[in-house]
Amino acid sequence: MSEVDLDPVIHSASRLRVVATLAALDRGDRVSFPRLQKLLDMTAGNLSTHLRRLEDAGYVTQTKTHVGRTPATYVELTPAGRLAFERYTQTLTELLKGAQE
């Protein structure tokens, strides 16, 4: 196997951090944008850019709503995103095992 087998959408370090964080949540759970931003220590603009790329790939959904009069955005890993992350980690594990042999 080669690096070509790793999902290029997830392989970016920042997007990998986003997907790994969301994958740690239970299926169907979501996190608020500010909480995710704080957990990852990313700027709002940087996080938004990476979320957009993940959303375009079908890996995350963003739900925009209001809490009272305050806008709120929630982020969730889709089933396709969870499967892509599982495949990514499996491929990476295989690559690392192959490097140790």
PDB file of N, CA and C in Angstrom:
ATOM      1  N   MET A   1       0.842  -1.189   0.000  1.00  0.00           N
ATOM      2  CA  MET A   1       0.000   0.000   0.000  1.00  0.00           C
ATOM      3  C   MET A   1       0.876   1.239   0.000  1.00  0.00           C
ATOM      4  N   SER A   2       0.318   2.319  -0.489  1.00  0.00           N
ATOM      5  CA  SER A   2       1.057   3.573  -0.530  1.00  0.00           C
ATOM      6  C   SER A   2       0.190   4.684   0.014  1.00  0.00           C
ATOM      7  N   GLU A   3       0.789   5.867   0.116  1.00  0.00           N
ATOM      8  CA  GLU A   3       0.050   7.018   0.636  1.00  0.00           C
ATOM      9  C   GLU A   3      -1.174   7.331  -0.205  1.00  0.00           C
ATOM     10  N   VAL A   4      -1.150   6.921  -1.470  1.00  0.00           N
ATOM     11  CA  VAL A   4      -2.274   7.160  -2.370  1.00  0.00           C
ATOM     12  C   VAL A   4      -3.550   6.532  -1.813  1.00  0.00           C
ATOM     13  N   ASP A   5      -3.426   5.463  -1.046  1.00  0.00           N
ATOM     14  CA  ASP A   5      -4.585   4.777  -0.492  1.00  0.00           C
ATOM     15  C   ASP A   5      -5.240   5.538   0.660  1.00  0.00           C
ATOM     16  N   LEU A   6      -4.552   6.524   1.222  1.00  0.00           N
ATOM     17  CA  LEU A   6      -5.121   7.306   2.325  1.00  0.00           C
ATOM     18  C   LEU A   6      -6.055   8.372   1.756  1.00  0.00           C
ATOM     19  N   ASP A   7      -7.210   8.503   2.365  1.00  0.00           N
ATOM     20  CA  ASP A   7      -8.217   9.473   1.924  1.00  0.00           C
ATOM     21  C   ASP A   7      -7.632  10.875   1.979  1.00  0.00           C
ATOM     22  N   PRO A   8      -7.502  11.549   0.838  1.00  0.00           N
ATOM     23  CA  PRO A   8      -6.886  12.879   0.824  1.00  0.00           C
ATOM     24  C   PRO A   8      -7.701  13.943   1.563  1.00  0.00           C
ATOM     25  N   VAL A   9      -8.993  13.746   1.670  1.00  0.00           N
ATOM     26  CA  VAL A   9      -9.819  14.718   2.401  1.00  0.00           C
ATOM     27  C   VAL A   9      -9.492  14.657   3.887  1.00  0.00           C
ATOM     28  N   ILE A  10      -9.329  13.462   4.415  1.00  0.00           N
ATOM     29  CA  ILE A  10      -9.039  13.293   5.835  1.00  0.00           C
ATOM     30  C   ILE A  10      -7.555  13.472   6.133  1.00  0.00           C
ATOM     31  N   HIS A  11      -6.696  13.198   5.175  1.00  0.00           N
ATOM     32  CA  HIS A  11      -5.255  13.143   5.419  1.00  0.00           C
ATOM     33  C   HIS A  11      -4.649  14.481   5.852  1.00  0.00           C
ATOM     34  N   SER A  12      -5.264  15.586   5.527  1.00  0.00           N
ATOM     35  CA  SER A  12      -4.791  16.887   6.013  1.00  0.00           C
ATOM     36  C   SER A  12      -4.808  16.862   7.541  1.00  0.00           C
ATOM     37  N   ALA A  13      -3.727  17.316   8.160  1.00  0.00           N
ATOM     38  CA  ALA A  13      -3.604  17.240   9.623  1.00  0.00           C
ATOM     39  C   ALA A  13      -4.785  17.898  10.342  1.00  0.00           C
ATOM     40  N   SER A  14      -5.198  19.053   9.893  1.00  0.00           N
ATOM     41  CA  SER A  14      -6.294  19.751  10.567  1.00  0.00           C
ATOM     42  C   SER A  14      -7.613  19.002  10.402  1.00  0.00           C
ATOM     43  N   ARG A  15      -7.882  18.519   9.197  1.00  0.00           N
ATOM     44  CA  ARG A  15      -9.133  17.778   8.989  1.00  0.00           C
ATOM     45  C   ARG A  15      -9.106  16.441   9.716  1.00  0.00           C
ATOM     46  N   LEU A  16      -7.948  15.828   9.819  1.00  0.00           N
ATOM     47  CA  LEU A  16      -7.823  14.585  10.574  1.00  0.00           C
ATOM     48  C   LEU A  16      -8.172  14.831  12.042  1.00  0.00           C
ATOM     49  N   ARG A  17      -7.714  15.939  12.592  1.00  0.00           N
ATOM     50  CA  ARG A  17      -8.043  16.286  13.976  1.00  0.00           C
ATOM     51  C   ARG A  17      -9.549  16.492  14.149  1.00  0.00           C
ATOM     52  N   VAL A  18     -10.167  17.158  13.174  1.00  0.00           N
ATOM     53  CA  VAL A  18     -11.619  17.399  13.236  1.00  0.00           C
ATOM     54  C   VAL A  18     -12.362  16.073  13.206  1.00  0.00           C
ATOM     55  N   VAL A  19     -12.044  15.231  12.238  1.00  0.00           N
ATOM     56  CA  VAL A  19     -12.750  13.962  12.079  1.00  0.00           C
ATOM     57  C   VAL A  19     -12.509  13.054  13.282  1.00  0.00           C
ATOM     58  N   ALA A  20     -11.294  12.990  13.779  1.00  0.00           N
ATOM     59  CA  ALA A  20     -10.996  12.148  14.947  1.00  0.00           C
ATOM     60  C   ALA A  20     -11.785  12.624  16.170  1.00  0.00           C
ATOM     61  N   THR A  21     -11.885  13.922  16.339  1.00  0.00           N
ATOM     62  CA  THR A  21     -12.651  14.469  17.466  1.00  0.00           C
ATOM     63  C   THR A  21     -14.121  14.113  17.348  1.00  0.00           C
ATOM     64  N   LEU A  22     -14.681  14.272  16.145  1.00  0.00           N
ATOM     65  CA  LEU A  22     -16.091  13.964  15.936  1.00  0.00           C
ATOM     66  C   LEU A  22     -16.353  12.459  16.025  1.00  0.00           C
ATOM     67  N   ALA A  23     -15.393  11.649  15.603  1.00  0.00           N
ATOM     68  CA  ALA A  23     -15.554  10.194  15.663  1.00  0.00           C
ATOM     69  C   ALA A  23     -15.567   9.695  17.105  1.00  0.00           C
ATOM     70  N   ALA A  24     -15.000  10.463  18.022  1.00  0.00           N
ATOM     71  CA  ALA A  24     -14.992  10.082  19.436  1.00  0.00           C
ATOM     72  C   ALA A  24     -16.382  10.237  20.066  1.00  0.00           C
ATOM     73  N   LEU A  25     -17.241  10.995  19.408  1.00  0.00           N
ATOM     74  CA  LEU A  25     -18.613  11.153  19.904  1.00  0.00           C
ATOM     75  C   LEU A  25     -19.419   9.910  19.556  1.00  0.00           C
ATOM     76  N   ASP A  26     -20.463   9.646  20.307  1.00  0.00           N
ATOM     77  CA  ASP A  26     -21.368   8.556  19.969  1.00  0.00           C
ATOM     78  C   ASP A  26     -22.084   8.886  18.664  1.00  0.00           C
ATOM     79  N   ARG A  27     -22.485   7.856  17.951  1.00  0.00           N
ATOM     80  CA  ARG A  27     -23.234   8.055  16.704  1.00  0.00           C
ATOM     81  C   ARG A  27     -24.454   8.927  16.983  1.00  0.00           C
ATOM     82  N   GLY A  28     -24.654   9.914  16.138  1.00  0.00           N
ATOM     83  CA  GLY A  28     -25.800  10.798  16.284  1.00  0.00           C
ATOM     84  C   GLY A  28     -25.556  11.987  17.201  1.00  0.00           C
ATOM     85  N   ASP A  29     -24.458  11.973  17.949  1.00  0.00           N
ATOM     86  CA  ASP A  29     -24.144  13.120  18.800  1.00  0.00           C
ATOM     87  C   ASP A  29     -23.508  14.213  17.964  1.00  0.00           C
ATOM     88  N   ARG A  30     -23.644  15.422  18.433  1.00  0.00           N
ATOM     89  CA  ARG A  30     -23.062  16.562  17.730  1.00  0.00           C
ATOM     90  C   ARG A  30     -22.423  17.483  18.744  1.00  0.00           C
ATOM     91  N   VAL A  31     -21.598  18.393  18.238  1.00  0.00           N
ATOM     92  CA  VAL A  31     -20.890  19.330  19.103  1.00  0.00           C
ATOM     93  C   VAL A  31     -21.096  20.733  18.536  1.00  0.00           C
ATOM     94  N   SER A  32     -21.150  21.717  19.413  1.00  0.00           N
ATOM     95  CA  SER A  32     -21.318  23.092  18.935  1.00  0.00           C
ATOM     96  C   SER A  32     -20.016  23.563  18.291  1.00  0.00           C
ATOM     97  N   PHE A  33     -20.154  24.449  17.332  1.00  0.00           N
ATOM     98  CA  PHE A  33     -18.991  24.991  16.637  1.00  0.00           C
ATOM     99  C   PHE A  33     -17.993  25.612  17.620  1.00  0.00           C
ATOM    100  N   PRO A  34     -18.431  26.471  18.559  1.00  0.00           N
ATOM    101  CA  PRO A  34     -17.466  27.065  19.493  1.00  0.00           C
ATOM    102  C   PRO A  34     -16.748  26.029  20.357  1.00  0.00           C
ATOM    103  N   ARG A  35     -17.459  24.975  20.751  1.00  0.00           N
ATOM    104  CA  ARG A  35     -16.832  23.924  21.565  1.00  0.00           C
ATOM    105  C   ARG A  35     -15.777  23.181  20.743  1.00  0.00           C
ATOM    106  N   LEU A  36     -16.097  22.857  19.498  1.00  0.00           N
ATOM    107  CA  LEU A  36     -15.147  22.185  18.616  1.00  0.00           C
ATOM    108  C   LEU A  36     -13.940  23.079  18.360  1.00  0.00           C
ATOM    109  N   GLN A  37     -14.203  24.343  18.151  1.00  0.00           N
ATOM    110  CA  GLN A  37     -13.120  25.312  17.931  1.00  0.00           C
ATOM    111  C   GLN A  37     -12.188  25.346  19.132  1.00  0.00           C
ATOM    112  N   LYS A  38     -12.759  25.344  20.327  1.00  0.00           N
ATOM    113  CA  LYS A  38     -11.945  25.381  21.543  1.00  0.00           C
ATOM    114  C   LYS A  38     -11.165  24.079  21.728  1.00  0.00           C
ATOM    115  N   LEU A  39     -11.826  22.951  21.502  1.00  0.00           N
ATOM    116  CA  LEU A  39     -11.161  21.654  21.639  1.00  0.00           C
ATOM    117  C   LEU A  39      -9.955  21.527  20.720  1.00  0.00           C
ATOM    118  N   LEU A  40     -10.095  22.048  19.501  1.00  0.00           N
ATOM    119  CA  LEU A  40      -9.042  21.918  18.496  1.00  0.00           C
ATOM    120  C   LEU A  40      -8.077  23.100  18.484  1.00  0.00           C
ATOM    121  N   ASP A  41      -8.395  24.136  19.250  1.00  0.00           N
ATOM    122  CA  ASP A  41      -7.567  25.344  19.299  1.00  0.00           C
ATOM    123  C   ASP A  41      -7.313  25.884  17.890  1.00  0.00           C
ATOM    124  N   MET A  42      -8.422  26.067  17.146  1.00  0.00           N
ATOM    125  CA  MET A  42      -8.352  26.579  15.776  1.00  0.00           C
ATOM    126  C   MET A  42      -9.115  27.899  15.706  1.00  0.00           C
ATOM    127  N   THR A  43      -8.739  28.738  14.762  1.00  0.00           N
ATOM    128  CA  THR A  43      -9.500  29.963  14.550  1.00  0.00           C
ATOM    129  C   THR A  43     -10.827  29.600  13.893  1.00  0.00           C
ATOM    130  N   ALA A  44     -11.805  30.464  14.034  1.00  0.00           N
ATOM    131  CA  ALA A  44     -13.118  30.211  13.436  1.00  0.00           C
ATOM    132  C   ALA A  44     -13.013  30.075  11.927  1.00  0.00           C
ATOM    133  N   GLY A  45     -12.221  30.928  11.305  1.00  0.00           N
ATOM    134  CA  GLY A  45     -12.069  30.874   9.849  1.00  0.00           C
ATOM    135  C   GLY A  45     -11.404  29.599   9.378  1.00  0.00           C
ATOM    136  N   ASN A  46     -10.372  29.171  10.082  1.00  0.00           N
ATOM    137  CA  ASN A  46      -9.666  27.949   9.724  1.00  0.00           C
ATOM    138  C   ASN A  46     -10.579  26.740   9.893  1.00  0.00           C
ATOM    139  N   LEU A  47     -11.276  26.665  11.010  1.00  0.00           N
ATOM    140  CA  LEU A  47     -12.187  25.557  11.249  1.00  0.00           C
ATOM    141  C   LEU A  47     -13.300  25.546  10.209  1.00  0.00           C
ATOM    142  N   SER A  48     -13.858  26.698   9.903  1.00  0.00           N
ATOM    143  CA  SER A  48     -14.924  26.789   8.902  1.00  0.00           C
ATOM    144  C   SER A  48     -14.471  26.261   7.548  1.00  0.00           C
ATOM    145  N   THR A  49     -13.253  26.615   7.156  1.00  0.00           N
ATOM    146  CA  THR A  49     -12.714  26.166   5.873  1.00  0.00           C
ATOM    147  C   THR A  49     -12.607  24.647   5.836  1.00  0.00           C
ATOM    148  N   HIS A  50     -12.078  24.049   6.902  1.00  0.00           N
ATOM    149  CA  HIS A  50     -11.932  22.597   6.936  1.00  0.00           C
ATOM    150  C   HIS A  50     -13.286  21.898   7.022  1.00  0.00           C
ATOM    151  N   LEU A  51     -14.217  22.463   7.781  1.00  0.00           N
ATOM    152  CA  LEU A  51     -15.556  21.877   7.865  1.00  0.00           C
ATOM    153  C   LEU A  51     -16.251  21.914   6.513  1.00  0.00           C
ATOM    154  N   ARG A  52     -16.066  22.991   5.774  1.00  0.00           N
ATOM    155  CA  ARG A  52     -16.674  23.105   4.448  1.00  0.00           C
ATOM    156  C   ARG A  52     -16.159  21.995   3.533  1.00  0.00           C
ATOM    157  N   ARG A  53     -14.863  21.741   3.572  1.00  0.00           N
ATOM    158  CA  ARG A  53     -14.264  20.686   2.740  1.00  0.00           C
ATOM    159  C   ARG A  53     -14.810  19.315   3.144  1.00  0.00           C
ATOM    160  N   LEU A  54     -14.928  19.085   4.455  1.00  0.00           N
ATOM    161  CA  LEU A  54     -15.479  17.820   4.936  1.00  0.00           C
ATOM    162  C   LEU A  54     -16.964  17.688   4.593  1.00  0.00           C
ATOM    163  N   GLU A  55     -17.673  18.792   4.646  1.00  0.00           N
ATOM    164  CA  GLU A  55     -19.093  18.787   4.302  1.00  0.00           C
ATOM    165  C   GLU A  55     -19.277  18.518   2.808  1.00  0.00           C
ATOM    166  N   ASP A  56     -18.428  19.111   1.980  1.00  0.00           N
ATOM    167  CA  ASP A  56     -18.484  18.871   0.535  1.00  0.00           C
ATOM    168  C   ASP A  56     -18.251  17.398   0.205  1.00  0.00           C
ATOM    169  N   ALA A  57     -17.434  16.732   1.013  1.00  0.00           N
ATOM    170  CA  ALA A  57     -17.157  15.305   0.811  1.00  0.00           C
ATOM    171  C   ALA A  57     -18.259  14.425   1.411  1.00  0.00           C
ATOM    172  N   GLY A  58     -19.189  15.034   2.136  1.00  0.00           N
ATOM    173  CA  GLY A  58     -20.271  14.271   2.757  1.00  0.00           C
ATOM    174  C   GLY A  58     -19.891  13.648   4.088  1.00  0.00           C
ATOM    175  N   TYR A  59     -18.800  14.119   4.691  1.00  0.00           N
ATOM    176  CA  TYR A  59     -18.304  13.530   5.934  1.00  0.00           C
ATOM    177  C   TYR A  59     -18.872  14.188   7.191  1.00  0.00           C
ATOM    178  N   VAL A  60     -19.294  15.427   7.102  1.00  0.00           N
ATOM    179  CA  VAL A  60     -19.894  16.103   8.253  1.00  0.00           C
ATOM    180  C   VAL A  60     -21.141  16.854   7.804  1.00  0.00           C
ATOM    181  N   THR A  61     -22.006  17.111   8.757  1.00  0.00           N
ATOM    182  CA  THR A  61     -23.128  18.012   8.528  1.00  0.00           C
ATOM    183  C   THR A  61     -23.041  19.130   9.551  1.00  0.00           C
ATOM    184  N   GLN A  62     -23.463  20.297   9.123  1.00  0.00           N
ATOM    185  CA  GLN A  62     -23.538  21.443  10.021  1.00  0.00           C
ATOM    186  C   GLN A  62     -24.994  21.868  10.089  1.00  0.00           C
ATOM    187  N   THR A  63     -25.511  21.969  11.293  1.00  0.00           N
ATOM    188  CA  THR A  63     -26.882  22.394  11.511  1.00  0.00           C
ATOM    189  C   THR A  63     -26.854  23.780  12.128  1.00  0.00           C
ATOM    190  N   LYS A  64     -27.463  24.720  11.423  1.00  0.00           N
ATOM    191  CA  LYS A  64     -27.510  26.096  11.920  1.00  0.00           C
ATOM    192  C   LYS A  64     -28.902  26.344  12.499  1.00  0.00           C
ATOM    193  N   THR A  65     -28.917  26.834  13.727  1.00  0.00           N
ATOM    194  CA  THR A  65     -30.166  27.067  14.432  1.00  0.00           C
ATOM    195  C   THR A  65     -30.003  28.297  15.320  1.00  0.00           C
ATOM    196  N   HIS A  66     -30.945  28.501  16.209  1.00  0.00           N
ATOM    197  CA  HIS A  66     -30.862  29.601  17.168  1.00  0.00           C
ATOM    198  C   HIS A  66     -31.143  29.072  18.563  1.00  0.00           C
ATOM    199  N   VAL A  67     -30.411  29.582  19.513  1.00  0.00           N
ATOM    200  CA  VAL A  67     -30.682  29.340  20.919  1.00  0.00           C
ATOM    201  C   VAL A  67     -31.123  30.695  21.452  1.00  0.00           C
ATOM    202  N   GLY A  68     -32.443  30.817  21.620  1.00  0.00           N
ATOM    203  CA  GLY A  68     -32.981  32.145  21.905  1.00  0.00           C
ATOM    204  C   GLY A  68     -32.807  33.004  20.661  1.00  0.00           C
ATOM    205  N   ARG A  69     -32.113  34.110  20.811  1.00  0.00           N
ATOM    206  CA  ARG A  69     -31.832  34.978  19.658  1.00  0.00           C
ATOM    207  C   ARG A  69     -30.416  34.806  19.132  1.00  0.00           C
ATOM    208  N   THR A  70     -29.670  33.921  19.758  1.00  0.00           N
ATOM    209  CA  THR A  70     -28.275  33.723  19.389  1.00  0.00           C
ATOM    210  C   THR A  70     -28.146  32.605  18.365  1.00  0.00           C
ATOM    211  N   PRO A  71     -27.492  32.866  17.229  1.00  0.00           N
ATOM    212  CA  PRO A  71     -27.280  31.793  16.259  1.00  0.00           C
ATOM    213  C   PRO A  71     -26.359  30.721  16.836  1.00  0.00           C
ATOM    214  N   ALA A  72     -26.639  29.486  16.479  1.00  0.00           N
ATOM    215  CA  ALA A  72     -25.827  28.362  16.952  1.00  0.00           C
ATOM    216  C   ALA A  72     -25.606  27.380  15.803  1.00  0.00           C
ATOM    217  N   THR A  73     -24.394  26.877  15.711  1.00  0.00           N
ATOM    218  CA  THR A  73     -24.059  25.884  14.695  1.00  0.00           C
ATOM    219  C   THR A  73     -23.567  24.630  15.389  1.00  0.00           C
ATOM    220  N   TYR A  74     -24.114  23.494  14.969  1.00  0.00           N
ATOM    221  CA  TYR A  74     -23.718  22.203  15.511  1.00  0.00           C
ATOM    222  C   TYR A  74     -23.120  21.363  14.399  1.00  0.00           C
ATOM    223  N   VAL A  75     -22.093  20.606  14.744  1.00  0.00           N
ATOM    224  CA  VAL A  75     -21.355  19.800  13.771  1.00  0.00           C
ATOM    225  C   VAL A  75     -21.467  18.339  14.164  1.00  0.00           C
ATOM    226  N   GLU A  76     -21.680  17.492  13.151  1.00  0.00           N
ATOM    227  CA  GLU A  76     -21.858  16.065  13.393  1.00  0.00           C
ATOM    228  C   GLU A  76     -21.168  15.276  12.287  1.00  0.00           C
ATOM    229  N   LEU A  77     -20.565  14.167  12.646  1.00  0.00           N
ATOM    230  CA  LEU A  77     -19.967  13.261  11.675  1.00  0.00           C
ATOM    231  C   LEU A  77     -21.083  12.420  11.055  1.00  0.00           C
ATOM    232  N   THR A  78     -21.115  12.348   9.730  1.00  0.00           N
ATOM    233  CA  THR A  78     -22.133  11.550   9.045  1.00  0.00           C
ATOM    234  C   THR A  78     -21.726  10.076   9.066  1.00  0.00           C
ATOM    235  N   PRO A  79     -22.651   9.168   8.763  1.00  0.00           N
ATOM    236  CA  PRO A  79     -22.260   7.760   8.639  1.00  0.00           C
ATOM    237  C   PRO A  79     -21.147   7.563   7.595  1.00  0.00           C
ATOM    238  N   ALA A  80     -21.211   8.297   6.501  1.00  0.00           N
ATOM    239  CA  ALA A  80     -20.154   8.207   5.477  1.00  0.00           C
ATOM    240  C   ALA A  80     -18.824   8.699   6.036  1.00  0.00           C
ATOM    241  N   GLY A  81     -18.863   9.734   6.852  1.00  0.00           N
ATOM    242  CA  GLY A  81     -17.653  10.263   7.470  1.00  0.00           C
ATOM    243  C   GLY A  81     -17.055   9.292   8.461  1.00  0.00           C
ATOM    244  N   ARG A  82     -17.912   8.633   9.230  1.00  0.00           N
ATOM    245  CA  ARG A  82     -17.443   7.650  10.200  1.00  0.00           C
ATOM    246  C   ARG A  82     -16.800   6.462   9.473  1.00  0.00           C
ATOM    247  N   LEU A  83     -17.432   6.020   8.391  1.00  0.00           N
ATOM    248  CA  LEU A  83     -16.881   4.907   7.609  1.00  0.00           C
ATOM    249  C   LEU A  83     -15.544   5.313   6.975  1.00  0.00           C
ATOM    250  N   ALA A  84     -15.475   6.521   6.436  1.00  0.00           N
ATOM    251  CA  ALA A  84     -14.227   7.004   5.828  1.00  0.00           C
ATOM    252  C   ALA A  84     -13.109   7.064   6.863  1.00  0.00           C
ATOM    253  N   PHE A  85     -13.430   7.501   8.082  1.00  0.00           N
ATOM    254  CA  PHE A  85     -12.420   7.560   9.144  1.00  0.00           C
ATOM    255  C   PHE A  85     -11.972   6.160   9.541  1.00  0.00           C
ATOM    256  N   GLU A  86     -12.912   5.224   9.644  1.00  0.00           N
ATOM    257  CA  GLU A  86     -12.558   3.842   9.975  1.00  0.00           C
ATOM    258  C   GLU A  86     -11.642   3.251   8.906  1.00  0.00           C
ATOM    259  N   ARG A  87     -11.962   3.504   7.637  1.00  0.00           N
ATOM    260  CA  ARG A  87     -11.110   3.015   6.545  1.00  0.00           C
ATOM    261  C   ARG A  87      -9.738   3.679   6.591  1.00  0.00           C
ATOM    262  N   TYR A  88      -9.726   4.969   6.871  1.00  0.00           N
ATOM    263  CA  TYR A  88      -8.465   5.709   6.949  1.00  0.00           C
ATOM    264  C   TYR A  88      -7.568   5.121   8.039  1.00  0.00           C
ATOM    265  N   THR A  89      -8.132   4.904   9.224  1.00  0.00           N
ATOM    266  CA  THR A  89      -7.323   4.376  10.333  1.00  0.00           C
ATOM    267  C   THR A  89      -6.869   2.948  10.051  1.00  0.00           C
ATOM    268  N   GLN A  90      -7.722   2.162   9.398  1.00  0.00           N
ATOM    269  CA  GLN A  90      -7.347   0.799   9.046  1.00  0.00           C
ATOM    270  C   GLN A  90      -6.192   0.812   8.038  1.00  0.00           C
ATOM    271  N   THR A  91      -6.282   1.659   7.027  1.00  0.00           N
ATOM    272  CA  THR A  91      -5.221   1.764   6.028  1.00  0.00           C
ATOM    273  C   THR A  91      -3.925   2.243   6.663  1.00  0.00           C
ATOM    274  N   LEU A  92      -4.012   3.219   7.535  1.00  0.00           N
ATOM    275  CA  LEU A  92      -2.822   3.738   8.210  1.00  0.00           C
ATOM    276  C   LEU A  92      -2.177   2.659   9.080  1.00  0.00           C
ATOM    277  N   THR A  93      -2.995   1.902   9.785  1.00  0.00           N
ATOM    278  CA  THR A  93      -2.478   0.810  10.613  1.00  0.00           C
ATOM    279  C   THR A  93      -1.750  -0.219   9.754  1.00  0.00           C
ATOM    280  N   GLU A  94      -2.325  -0.565   8.622  1.00  0.00           N
ATOM    281  CA  GLU A  94      -1.690  -1.525   7.714  1.00  0.00           C
ATOM    282  C   GLU A  94      -0.368  -0.981   7.172  1.00  0.00           C
ATOM    283  N   LEU A  95      -0.355   0.308   6.844  1.00  0.00           N
ATOM    284  CA  LEU A  95       0.883   0.928   6.357  1.00  0.00           C
ATOM    285  C   LEU A  95       1.978   0.879   7.425  1.00  0.00           C
ATOM    286  N   LEU A  96       1.597   1.154   8.657  1.00  0.00           N
ATOM    287  CA  LEU A  96       2.572   1.155   9.748  1.00  0.00           C
ATOM    288  C   LEU A  96       3.072  -0.259  10.037  1.00  0.00           C
ATOM    289  N   LYS A  97       2.186  -1.235   9.978  1.00  0.00           N
ATOM    290  CA  LYS A  97       2.607  -2.628  10.172  1.00  0.00           C
ATOM    291  C   LYS A  97       3.585  -3.044   9.087  1.00  0.00           C
ATOM    292  N   GLY A  98       3.300  -2.649   7.851  1.00  0.00           N
ATOM    293  CA  GLY A  98       4.172  -2.972   6.719  1.00  0.00           C
ATOM    294  C   GLY A  98       5.541  -2.324   6.859  1.00  0.00           C
ATOM    295  N   ALA A  99       5.601  -1.147   7.449  1.00  0.00           N
ATOM    296  CA  ALA A  99       6.871  -0.435   7.635  1.00  0.00           C
ATOM    297  C   ALA A  99       7.723  -1.100   8.714  1.00  0.00           C
ATOM    298  N   GLN A 100       7.092  -1.810   9.647  1.00  0.00           N
ATOM    299  CA  GLN A 100       7.823  -2.459  10.738  1.00  0.00           C
ATOM    300  C   GLN A 100       8.369  -3.813  10.324  1.00  0.00           C
ATOM    301  N   GLU A 101       7.869  -4.352   9.236  1.00  0.00           N
ATOM    302  CA  GLU A 101       8.327  -5.689   8.801  1.00  0.00           C
ATOM    303  C   GLU A 101       9.608  -5.616   8.031  1.00  0.00           C
TER     304      GLU A 101
END
